[in-house]
Structures are given as structure tokens and as C-alpha cells.
Amino acid sequence: KKGKVMKFDSGECMINYLKQNSAAHADVESYLVIDYANPPKLIDAEKAFWLHGENIDSPMGGNVAAFESNDAAEKMKTETGSQLLNWNEVMKLEL
């Protein structure tokens, strides 16, 4: 909200930072992550459809991926046997 932009290597790095810096949430205008099905498109992390599972290949090994569409997430869920989560559930993961 103050014009500062923070960039992370991956969604899981951003999530871990937010967990460790809970006071930062009040100052954040938006959380953006890469759409796993359509890189390099940025999507709203809070509205994304998240998958978590050991067969999800993510940059930092957290085994999470964000999708803009539920259809894309459901397709990957079927292919990988992963778990479909929302933003609040992802924020509770140990990554």
C-alpha cells in the first residue's frame, strides 16, 4: 500500500515470509503469484486455486502450485493426486 514491491523466488517463499512477518499483512495491497498453467501470467494469490502434493514440482521444493482456473487445478489434481486448497489453507501449510 506504500508503493514498495517485494519479489520472491516462488509462492512458497512469499508464504513463508508472510508467516514469519505477520505484521506485514496490513501493509499489503495484493499478493501475486505465477499461474502454474500459464506462466509467466501473474494472478491474485488470494483468489487462486492452490494444489499441494509431493508430485507438484515447484521452484523451491514446497510442492505447491497456484492456478487461475479451477478447471486447470482440477486437471492437475487428477494427474498428480494432490490436494486442492484455498489461500487460507495454503497459509497454514508447513512449507
N, C-alpha and C. Protein backbone atom coordinates (compact mmCIF):
# COMPACT_ATOMS: atom_id res chain seq x y z
N LYS A 1 0.81 -1.20 0.00
CA LYS A 1 0.00 0.00 0.00
C LYS A 1 0.86 1.26 0.00
N LYS A 2 2.13 1.12 0.32
CA LYS A 2 3.03 2.26 0.39
C LYS A 2 3.92 2.37 -0.85
N GLY A 3 3.67 1.52 -1.85
CA GLY A 3 4.42 1.58 -3.09
C GLY A 3 5.63 0.66 -3.15
N LYS A 4 5.94 -0.04 -2.08
CA LYS A 4 7.06 -0.96 -2.06
C LYS A 4 6.65 -2.29 -2.69
N VAL A 5 7.50 -2.81 -3.55
CA VAL A 5 7.25 -4.10 -4.20
C VAL A 5 8.28 -5.10 -3.69
N MET A 6 7.80 -6.25 -3.29
CA MET A 6 8.70 -7.32 -2.85
C MET A 6 8.54 -8.49 -3.82
N LYS A 7 9.66 -9.06 -4.23
CA LYS A 7 9.64 -10.19 -5.16
C LYS A 7 10.27 -11.40 -4.48
N PHE A 8 9.68 -12.56 -4.77
CA PHE A 8 10.15 -13.80 -4.17
C PHE A 8 10.43 -14.81 -5.27
N ASP A 9 11.27 -15.79 -4.97
CA ASP A 9 11.61 -16.85 -5.93
C ASP A 9 10.41 -17.70 -6.28
N SER A 10 9.48 -17.82 -5.34
CA SER A 10 8.34 -18.72 -5.54
C SER A 10 7.22 -18.33 -4.59
N GLY A 11 6.05 -18.90 -4.85
CA GLY A 11 4.91 -18.67 -3.96
C GLY A 11 5.18 -19.13 -2.55
N GLU A 12 5.87 -20.28 -2.41
CA GLU A 12 6.15 -20.77 -1.06
C GLU A 12 7.10 -19.87 -0.30
N CYS A 13 8.02 -19.20 -0.99
CA CYS A 13 8.91 -18.24 -0.32
C CYS A 13 8.11 -17.05 0.19
N MET A 14 7.16 -16.58 -0.60
CA MET A 14 6.31 -15.47 -0.18
C MET A 14 5.48 -15.89 1.03
N ILE A 15 4.91 -17.08 0.97
CA ILE A 15 4.08 -17.58 2.08
C ILE A 15 4.91 -17.69 3.36
N ASN A 16 6.10 -18.25 3.26
CA ASN A 16 6.95 -18.37 4.44
C ASN A 16 7.32 -17.00 5.00
N TYR A 17 7.60 -16.05 4.14
CA TYR A 17 7.91 -14.69 4.60
C TYR A 17 6.71 -14.11 5.36
N LEU A 18 5.52 -14.27 4.80
CA LEU A 18 4.32 -13.72 5.43
C LEU A 18 4.06 -14.36 6.78
N LYS A 19 4.33 -15.64 6.91
CA LYS A 19 4.16 -16.33 8.19
C LYS A 19 5.12 -15.79 9.24
N GLN A 20 6.33 -15.49 8.82
CA GLN A 20 7.35 -15.00 9.75
C GLN A 20 7.21 -13.52 10.06
N ASN A 21 6.47 -12.81 9.22
CA ASN A 21 6.30 -11.35 9.37
C ASN A 21 4.82 -11.01 9.34
N SER A 22 4.09 -11.49 10.31
CA SER A 22 2.63 -11.33 10.30
C SER A 22 2.19 -9.87 10.29
N ALA A 23 3.01 -8.98 10.80
CA ALA A 23 2.66 -7.56 10.80
C ALA A 23 2.64 -7.00 9.38
N ALA A 24 3.32 -7.66 8.46
CA ALA A 24 3.39 -7.17 7.08
C ALA A 24 2.05 -7.24 6.36
N HIS A 25 1.14 -8.10 6.80
CA HIS A 25 -0.14 -8.27 6.12
C HIS A 25 -0.95 -6.98 6.00
N ALA A 26 -0.90 -6.15 7.00
CA ALA A 26 -1.69 -4.92 6.99
C ALA A 26 -1.23 -3.95 5.91
N ASP A 27 0.01 -4.04 5.50
CA ASP A 27 0.57 -3.12 4.52
C ASP A 27 0.50 -3.62 3.09
N VAL A 28 -0.05 -4.81 2.88
CA VAL A 28 -0.03 -5.41 1.54
C VAL A 28 -1.29 -5.08 0.76
N GLU A 29 -1.09 -4.56 -0.43
CA GLU A 29 -2.20 -4.25 -1.33
C GLU A 29 -2.67 -5.51 -2.04
N SER A 30 -1.71 -6.32 -2.52
CA SER A 30 -2.09 -7.55 -3.22
C SER A 30 -0.94 -8.55 -3.18
N TYR A 31 -1.30 -9.81 -3.31
CA TYR A 31 -0.35 -10.90 -3.39
C TYR A 31 -0.47 -11.51 -4.78
N LEU A 32 0.60 -11.51 -5.52
CA LEU A 32 0.57 -12.04 -6.89
C LEU A 32 1.53 -13.22 -7.00
N VAL A 33 1.09 -14.24 -7.72
CA VAL A 33 1.92 -15.42 -7.98
C VAL A 33 1.77 -15.81 -9.45
N ILE A 34 2.66 -16.65 -9.91
CA ILE A 34 2.61 -17.14 -11.29
C ILE A 34 1.53 -18.21 -11.42
N ASP A 35 0.75 -18.12 -12.49
CA ASP A 35 -0.23 -19.16 -12.81
C ASP A 35 0.55 -20.37 -13.33
N TYR A 36 0.50 -21.46 -12.60
CA TYR A 36 1.26 -22.67 -12.93
C TYR A 36 0.92 -23.18 -14.33
N ALA A 37 -0.32 -23.01 -14.73
CA ALA A 37 -0.76 -23.50 -16.04
C ALA A 37 -0.46 -22.53 -17.18
N ASN A 38 -0.10 -21.29 -16.84
CA ASN A 38 0.09 -20.28 -17.87
C ASN A 38 1.19 -19.28 -17.48
N PRO A 39 2.41 -19.79 -17.24
CA PRO A 39 3.48 -18.85 -16.90
C PRO A 39 3.81 -17.98 -18.10
N PRO A 40 4.19 -16.77 -17.95
CA PRO A 40 4.50 -16.04 -16.72
C PRO A 40 3.36 -15.17 -16.22
N LYS A 41 2.13 -15.53 -16.48
CA LYS A 41 0.98 -14.74 -16.06
C LYS A 41 0.89 -14.65 -14.53
N LEU A 42 0.72 -13.42 -14.05
CA LEU A 42 0.54 -13.20 -12.61
C LEU A 42 -0.94 -13.23 -12.27
N ILE A 43 -1.26 -13.89 -11.15
CA ILE A 43 -2.64 -13.99 -10.69
C ILE A 43 -2.72 -13.62 -9.21
N ASP A 44 -3.90 -13.31 -8.76
CA ASP A 44 -4.15 -12.97 -7.36
C ASP A 44 -4.04 -14.24 -6.52
N ALA A 45 -3.07 -14.28 -5.62
CA ALA A 45 -2.83 -15.47 -4.79
C ALA A 45 -4.01 -15.79 -3.89
N GLU A 46 -4.73 -14.77 -3.45
CA GLU A 46 -5.85 -14.99 -2.54
C GLU A 46 -7.06 -15.60 -3.25
N LYS A 47 -7.14 -15.43 -4.56
CA LYS A 47 -8.26 -15.98 -5.34
C LYS A 47 -7.87 -17.23 -6.10
N ALA A 48 -6.60 -17.57 -6.07
CA ALA A 48 -6.09 -18.71 -6.84
C ALA A 48 -6.59 -20.03 -6.27
N PHE A 49 -6.54 -21.03 -7.13
CA PHE A 49 -6.82 -22.41 -6.74
C PHE A 49 -5.46 -23.07 -6.54
N TRP A 50 -5.15 -23.47 -5.34
CA TRP A 50 -3.84 -23.98 -4.98
C TRP A 50 -3.84 -25.50 -4.91
N LEU A 51 -2.74 -26.09 -5.34
CA LEU A 51 -2.54 -27.52 -5.17
C LEU A 51 -1.31 -27.75 -4.31
N HIS A 52 -1.39 -28.79 -3.49
CA HIS A 52 -0.25 -29.19 -2.67
C HIS A 52 -0.13 -30.71 -2.72
N GLY A 53 1.06 -31.18 -2.99
CA GLY A 53 1.31 -32.61 -3.02
C GLY A 53 2.71 -32.91 -3.48
N GLU A 54 3.19 -34.09 -3.14
CA GLU A 54 4.59 -34.41 -3.45
C GLU A 54 4.87 -34.54 -4.94
N ASN A 55 3.84 -34.64 -5.76
CA ASN A 55 4.04 -34.72 -7.21
C ASN A 55 3.93 -33.37 -7.90
N ILE A 56 3.80 -32.29 -7.12
CA ILE A 56 3.80 -30.94 -7.67
C ILE A 56 5.24 -30.44 -7.67
N ASP A 57 5.75 -30.12 -8.84
CA ASP A 57 7.12 -29.63 -8.98
C ASP A 57 7.11 -28.11 -8.87
N SER A 58 7.56 -27.61 -7.71
CA SER A 58 7.61 -26.16 -7.52
C SER A 58 9.05 -25.72 -7.34
N PRO A 59 9.35 -24.46 -7.64
CA PRO A 59 10.73 -23.98 -7.70
C PRO A 59 11.56 -24.21 -6.43
N MET A 60 10.98 -24.07 -5.28
CA MET A 60 11.74 -24.15 -4.04
C MET A 60 11.43 -25.42 -3.25
N GLY A 61 10.77 -26.37 -3.88
CA GLY A 61 10.54 -27.66 -3.24
C GLY A 61 9.41 -27.70 -2.24
N GLY A 62 8.54 -26.70 -2.24
CA GLY A 62 7.41 -26.68 -1.30
C GLY A 62 6.22 -27.48 -1.79
N ASN A 63 6.30 -27.95 -3.03
CA ASN A 63 5.24 -28.79 -3.60
C ASN A 63 3.88 -28.10 -3.64
N VAL A 64 3.88 -26.81 -4.00
CA VAL A 64 2.64 -26.06 -4.16
C VAL A 64 2.62 -25.39 -5.52
N ALA A 65 1.41 -25.19 -6.03
CA ALA A 65 1.23 -24.50 -7.30
C ALA A 65 -0.10 -23.76 -7.26
N ALA A 66 -0.12 -22.58 -7.87
CA ALA A 66 -1.33 -21.77 -7.92
C ALA A 66 -1.87 -21.77 -9.35
N PHE A 67 -3.19 -21.81 -9.46
CA PHE A 67 -3.85 -21.81 -10.76
C PHE A 67 -4.93 -20.74 -10.78
N GLU A 68 -5.07 -20.08 -11.92
CA GLU A 68 -6.12 -19.08 -12.06
C GLU A 68 -7.49 -19.74 -12.18
N SER A 69 -7.54 -20.89 -12.86
CA SER A 69 -8.84 -21.53 -13.09
C SER A 69 -8.97 -22.82 -12.29
N ASN A 70 -10.16 -23.05 -11.82
CA ASN A 70 -10.46 -24.28 -11.10
C ASN A 70 -10.30 -25.48 -12.03
N ASP A 71 -10.69 -25.34 -13.30
CA ASP A 71 -10.57 -26.44 -14.26
C ASP A 71 -9.12 -26.90 -14.40
N ALA A 72 -8.20 -25.96 -14.54
CA ALA A 72 -6.79 -26.30 -14.67
C ALA A 72 -6.27 -26.97 -13.40
N ALA A 73 -6.69 -26.45 -12.25
CA ALA A 73 -6.27 -27.05 -10.98
C ALA A 73 -6.82 -28.46 -10.83
N GLU A 74 -8.08 -28.64 -11.17
CA GLU A 74 -8.70 -29.97 -11.06
C GLU A 74 -8.02 -30.98 -11.99
N LYS A 75 -7.65 -30.54 -13.18
CA LYS A 75 -6.96 -31.43 -14.12
C LYS A 75 -5.62 -31.87 -13.54
N MET A 76 -4.85 -30.91 -13.02
CA MET A 76 -3.55 -31.23 -12.43
C MET A 76 -3.73 -32.05 -11.15
N LYS A 77 -4.76 -31.79 -10.41
CA LYS A 77 -5.05 -32.56 -9.19
C LYS A 77 -5.23 -34.03 -9.54
N THR A 78 -5.99 -34.30 -10.58
CA THR A 78 -6.23 -35.68 -11.03
C THR A 78 -4.92 -36.33 -11.49
N GLU A 79 -4.11 -35.58 -12.20
CA GLU A 79 -2.85 -36.12 -12.74
C GLU A 79 -1.81 -36.38 -11.65
N THR A 80 -1.84 -35.60 -10.57
CA THR A 80 -0.79 -35.66 -9.57
C THR A 80 -1.23 -36.25 -8.23
N GLY A 81 -2.53 -36.41 -8.03
CA GLY A 81 -3.02 -36.90 -6.75
C GLY A 81 -2.79 -35.91 -5.62
N SER A 82 -2.78 -34.63 -5.96
CA SER A 82 -2.53 -33.59 -4.96
C SER A 82 -3.82 -33.10 -4.33
N GLN A 83 -3.67 -32.23 -3.37
CA GLN A 83 -4.79 -31.70 -2.60
C GLN A 83 -5.12 -30.28 -3.05
N LEU A 84 -6.39 -30.00 -3.28
CA LEU A 84 -6.84 -28.67 -3.68
C LEU A 84 -7.08 -27.83 -2.43
N LEU A 85 -6.49 -26.63 -2.41
CA LEU A 85 -6.57 -25.75 -1.24
C LEU A 85 -6.93 -24.33 -1.65
N ASN A 86 -7.44 -23.56 -0.70
CA ASN A 86 -7.62 -22.13 -0.91
C ASN A 86 -6.49 -21.38 -0.21
N TRP A 87 -6.48 -20.06 -0.33
CA TRP A 87 -5.40 -19.24 0.22
C TRP A 87 -5.22 -19.45 1.72
N ASN A 88 -6.30 -19.45 2.47
CA ASN A 88 -6.19 -19.60 3.92
C ASN A 88 -5.59 -20.97 4.28
N GLU A 89 -5.95 -21.99 3.55
CA GLU A 89 -5.40 -23.32 3.81
C GLU A 89 -3.91 -23.40 3.45
N VAL A 90 -3.54 -22.76 2.36
CA VAL A 90 -2.13 -22.73 1.97
C VAL A 90 -1.30 -22.01 3.01
N MET A 91 -1.84 -20.96 3.58
CA MET A 91 -1.12 -20.20 4.60
C MET A 91 -0.87 -21.02 5.87
N LYS A 92 -1.58 -22.10 6.05
CA LYS A 92 -1.40 -22.96 7.22
C LYS A 92 -0.41 -24.09 6.99
N LEU A 93 0.01 -24.28 5.74
CA LEU A 93 0.95 -25.36 5.42
C LEU A 93 2.32 -25.10 5.99
N GLU A 94 3.03 -26.18 6.29
CA GLU A 94 4.44 -26.10 6.65
C GLU A 94 5.23 -26.34 5.37
N LEU A 95 5.76 -25.27 4.80
CA LEU A 95 6.48 -25.38 3.52
C LEU A 95 7.98 -25.30 3.74
